[in-house]
Amino acid sequence: MRDHFRENCSVEDAAEVATMSRSAFHARFKAITMLRPVEFRTQLRLQQARRLMLSEDLDAASAGFEVGYSSPSQFSREYRRVFGVPPSKHKAE
């Protein structure tokens, strides 16, 4: 997942790669990471987007697109939910 977090991989696809049932994969994944697979991917995407905005001077929309979001508004909503501030606030720092 870390190498392909930009892609919209389903839990079914990930379970198939791991040669596990969907429910077994989900349970094992959550036991190891404490997050559901979708939450884990979201965390990876948002951390990478934040890094891109701060270290590579990308604007929020470009960073969101770069990490796999097709909608700037969805990216902004999720970013605010996870970090507590909109992406423009981190960009300004």
C-alpha atoms as a PDB file:
ATOM      1  CA  MET A   1       0.000   0.000   0.000  1.00  0.00           C
ATOM      2  CA  ARG A   2       2.831   2.393   0.728  1.00  0.00           C
ATOM      3  CA  ASP A   3       4.134   2.121  -2.813  1.00  0.00           C
ATOM      4  CA  HIS A   4       0.734   2.493  -4.489  1.00  0.00           C
ATOM      5  CA  PHE A   5      -1.183   4.861  -2.217  1.00  0.00           C
ATOM      6  CA  ARG A   6      -1.969   7.172  -5.155  1.00  0.00           C
ATOM      7  CA  GLU A   7      -4.005   4.439  -6.820  1.00  0.00           C
ATOM      8  CA  ASN A   8      -7.588   3.605  -5.908  1.00  0.00           C
ATOM      9  CA  CYS A   9      -6.982   0.005  -4.929  1.00  0.00           C
ATOM     10  CA  SER A  10      -9.960  -1.760  -3.416  1.00  0.00           C
ATOM     11  CA  VAL A  11      -9.775  -3.891  -0.298  1.00  0.00           C
ATOM     12  CA  GLU A  12     -10.763  -6.830  -2.500  1.00  0.00           C
ATOM     13  CA  ASP A  13      -7.727  -6.248  -4.740  1.00  0.00           C
ATOM     14  CA  ALA A  14      -5.388  -5.896  -1.767  1.00  0.00           C
ATOM     15  CA  ALA A  15      -6.793  -9.055  -0.177  1.00  0.00           C
ATOM     16  CA  GLU A  16      -6.294 -10.916  -3.435  1.00  0.00           C
ATOM     17  CA  VAL A  17      -2.648  -9.827  -3.617  1.00  0.00           C
ATOM     18  CA  ALA A  18      -2.214 -10.978  -0.006  1.00  0.00           C
ATOM     19  CA  THR A  19      -4.000 -14.242  -0.878  1.00  0.00           C
ATOM     20  CA  MET A  20      -6.519 -13.690   1.900  1.00  0.00           C
ATOM     21  CA  SER A  21     -10.260 -13.313   2.084  1.00  0.00           C
ATOM     22  CA  ARG A  22     -11.532  -9.741   2.264  1.00  0.00           C
ATOM     23  CA  SER A  23     -12.624 -10.125   5.887  1.00  0.00           C
ATOM     24  CA  ALA A  24      -9.380 -11.828   6.978  1.00  0.00           C
ATOM     25  CA  PHE A  25      -7.298  -9.149   5.245  1.00  0.00           C
ATOM     26  CA  HIS A  26      -9.335  -6.359   6.820  1.00  0.00           C
ATOM     27  CA  ALA A  27      -9.062  -7.860  10.309  1.00  0.00           C
ATOM     28  CA  ARG A  28      -5.324  -8.555  10.001  1.00  0.00           C
ATOM     29  CA  PHE A  29      -4.621  -5.112   8.543  1.00  0.00           C
ATOM     30  CA  LYS A  30      -6.504  -3.350  11.322  1.00  0.00           C
ATOM     31  CA  ALA A  31      -4.803  -5.473  13.991  1.00  0.00           C
ATOM     32  CA  ILE A  32      -1.391  -4.436  12.689  1.00  0.00           C
ATOM     33  CA  THR A  33      -2.004  -0.769  11.822  1.00  0.00           C
ATOM     34  CA  MET A  34      -4.921   0.112  14.116  1.00  0.00           C
ATOM     35  CA  LEU A  35      -6.572   1.619  11.015  1.00  0.00           C
ATOM     36  CA  ARG A  36      -8.888   0.338   8.342  1.00  0.00           C
ATOM     37  CA  PRO A  37      -7.147   0.022   4.947  1.00  0.00           C
ATOM     38  CA  VAL A  38      -8.958   3.080   3.575  1.00  0.00           C
ATOM     39  CA  GLU A  39      -7.971   5.146   6.620  1.00  0.00           C
ATOM     40  CA  PHE A  40      -4.366   4.022   6.240  1.00  0.00           C
ATOM     41  CA  ARG A  41      -4.309   5.066   2.578  1.00  0.00           C
ATOM     42  CA  THR A  42      -5.851   8.420   3.484  1.00  0.00           C
ATOM     43  CA  GLN A  43      -3.161   8.995   6.112  1.00  0.00           C
ATOM     44  CA  LEU A  44      -0.410   8.148   3.614  1.00  0.00           C
ATOM     45  CA  ARG A  45      -1.889  10.463   0.996  1.00  0.00           C
ATOM     46  CA  LEU A  46      -2.348  13.376   3.351  1.00  0.00           C
ATOM     47  CA  GLN A  47       1.114  13.052   4.909  1.00  0.00           C
ATOM     48  CA  GLN A  48       2.677  12.996   1.449  1.00  0.00           C
ATOM     49  CA  ALA A  49       0.580  15.971   0.300  1.00  0.00           C
ATOM     50  CA  ARG A  50       1.641  17.935   3.359  1.00  0.00           C
ATOM     51  CA  ARG A  51       5.281  17.104   2.646  1.00  0.00           C
ATOM     52  CA  LEU A  52       4.875  18.236  -0.975  1.00  0.00           C
ATOM     53  CA  MET A  53       3.311  21.533   0.060  1.00  0.00           C
ATOM     54  CA  LEU A  54       5.962  22.291   2.661  1.00  0.00           C
ATOM     55  CA  SER A  55       9.136  20.992   1.053  1.00  0.00           C
ATOM     56  CA  GLU A  56       8.418  21.286  -2.660  1.00  0.00           C
ATOM     57  CA  ASP A  57       6.263  24.416  -2.535  1.00  0.00           C
ATOM     58  CA  LEU A  58       3.229  22.874  -4.260  1.00  0.00           C
ATOM     59  CA  ASP A  59      -0.147  24.524  -3.851  1.00  0.00           C
ATOM     60  CA  ALA A  60      -2.870  22.506  -2.119  1.00  0.00           C
ATOM     61  CA  ALA A  61      -4.764  21.526  -5.283  1.00  0.00           C
ATOM     62  CA  SER A  62      -1.584  20.311  -7.014  1.00  0.00           C
ATOM     63  CA  ALA A  63      -0.450  18.387  -3.941  1.00  0.00           C
ATOM     64  CA  GLY A  64      -3.866  16.759  -3.623  1.00  0.00           C
ATOM     65  CA  PHE A  65      -3.848  15.760  -7.269  1.00  0.00           C
ATOM     66  CA  GLU A  66      -0.273  14.453  -6.988  1.00  0.00           C
ATOM     67  CA  VAL A  67      -1.216  12.055  -4.182  1.00  0.00           C
ATOM     68  CA  GLY A  68      -4.335  10.699  -5.861  1.00  0.00           C
ATOM     69  CA  TYR A  69      -7.231  13.035  -5.160  1.00  0.00           C
ATOM     70  CA  SER A  70      -9.282  13.990  -8.210  1.00  0.00           C
ATOM     71  CA  SER A  71     -11.287  16.641  -6.360  1.00  0.00           C
ATOM     72  CA  PRO A  72      -9.637  19.616  -4.613  1.00  0.00           C
ATOM     73  CA  SER A  73     -12.683  19.994  -2.358  1.00  0.00           C
ATOM     74  CA  GLN A  74     -12.504  16.352  -1.226  1.00  0.00           C
ATOM     75  CA  PHE A  75      -8.782  16.737  -0.553  1.00  0.00           C
ATOM     76  CA  SER A  76      -9.383  19.919   1.434  1.00  0.00           C
ATOM     77  CA  ARG A  77     -12.189  18.340   3.490  1.00  0.00           C
ATOM     78  CA  GLU A  78     -10.109  15.276   4.383  1.00  0.00           C
ATOM     79  CA  TYR A  79      -7.025  17.375   5.092  1.00  0.00           C
ATOM     80  CA  ARG A  80      -8.974  19.594   7.485  1.00  0.00           C
ATOM     81  CA  ARG A  81     -10.519  16.553   9.185  1.00  0.00           C
ATOM     82  CA  VAL A  82      -7.114  14.924   9.783  1.00  0.00           C
ATOM     83  CA  PHE A  83      -4.920  17.950  10.532  1.00  0.00           C
ATOM     84  CA  GLY A  84      -7.535  20.289  12.012  1.00  0.00           C
ATOM     85  CA  VAL A  85      -6.731  23.117   9.600  1.00  0.00           C
ATOM     86  CA  PRO A  86      -7.232  23.615   5.853  1.00  0.00           C
ATOM     87  CA  PRO A  87      -4.288  22.817   3.584  1.00  0.00           C
ATOM     88  CA  SER A  88      -3.854  26.518   2.785  1.00  0.00           C
ATOM     89  CA  LYS A  89      -2.977  27.093   6.446  1.00  0.00           C
ATOM     90  CA  HIS A  90      -0.071  24.632   6.301  1.00  0.00           C
ATOM     91  CA  LYS A  91       1.010  26.031   2.965  1.00  0.00           C
ATOM     92  CA  ALA A  92       1.289  29.505   4.469  1.00  0.00           C
ATOM     93  CA  GLU A  93       3.588  28.357   7.290  1.00  0.00           C
END
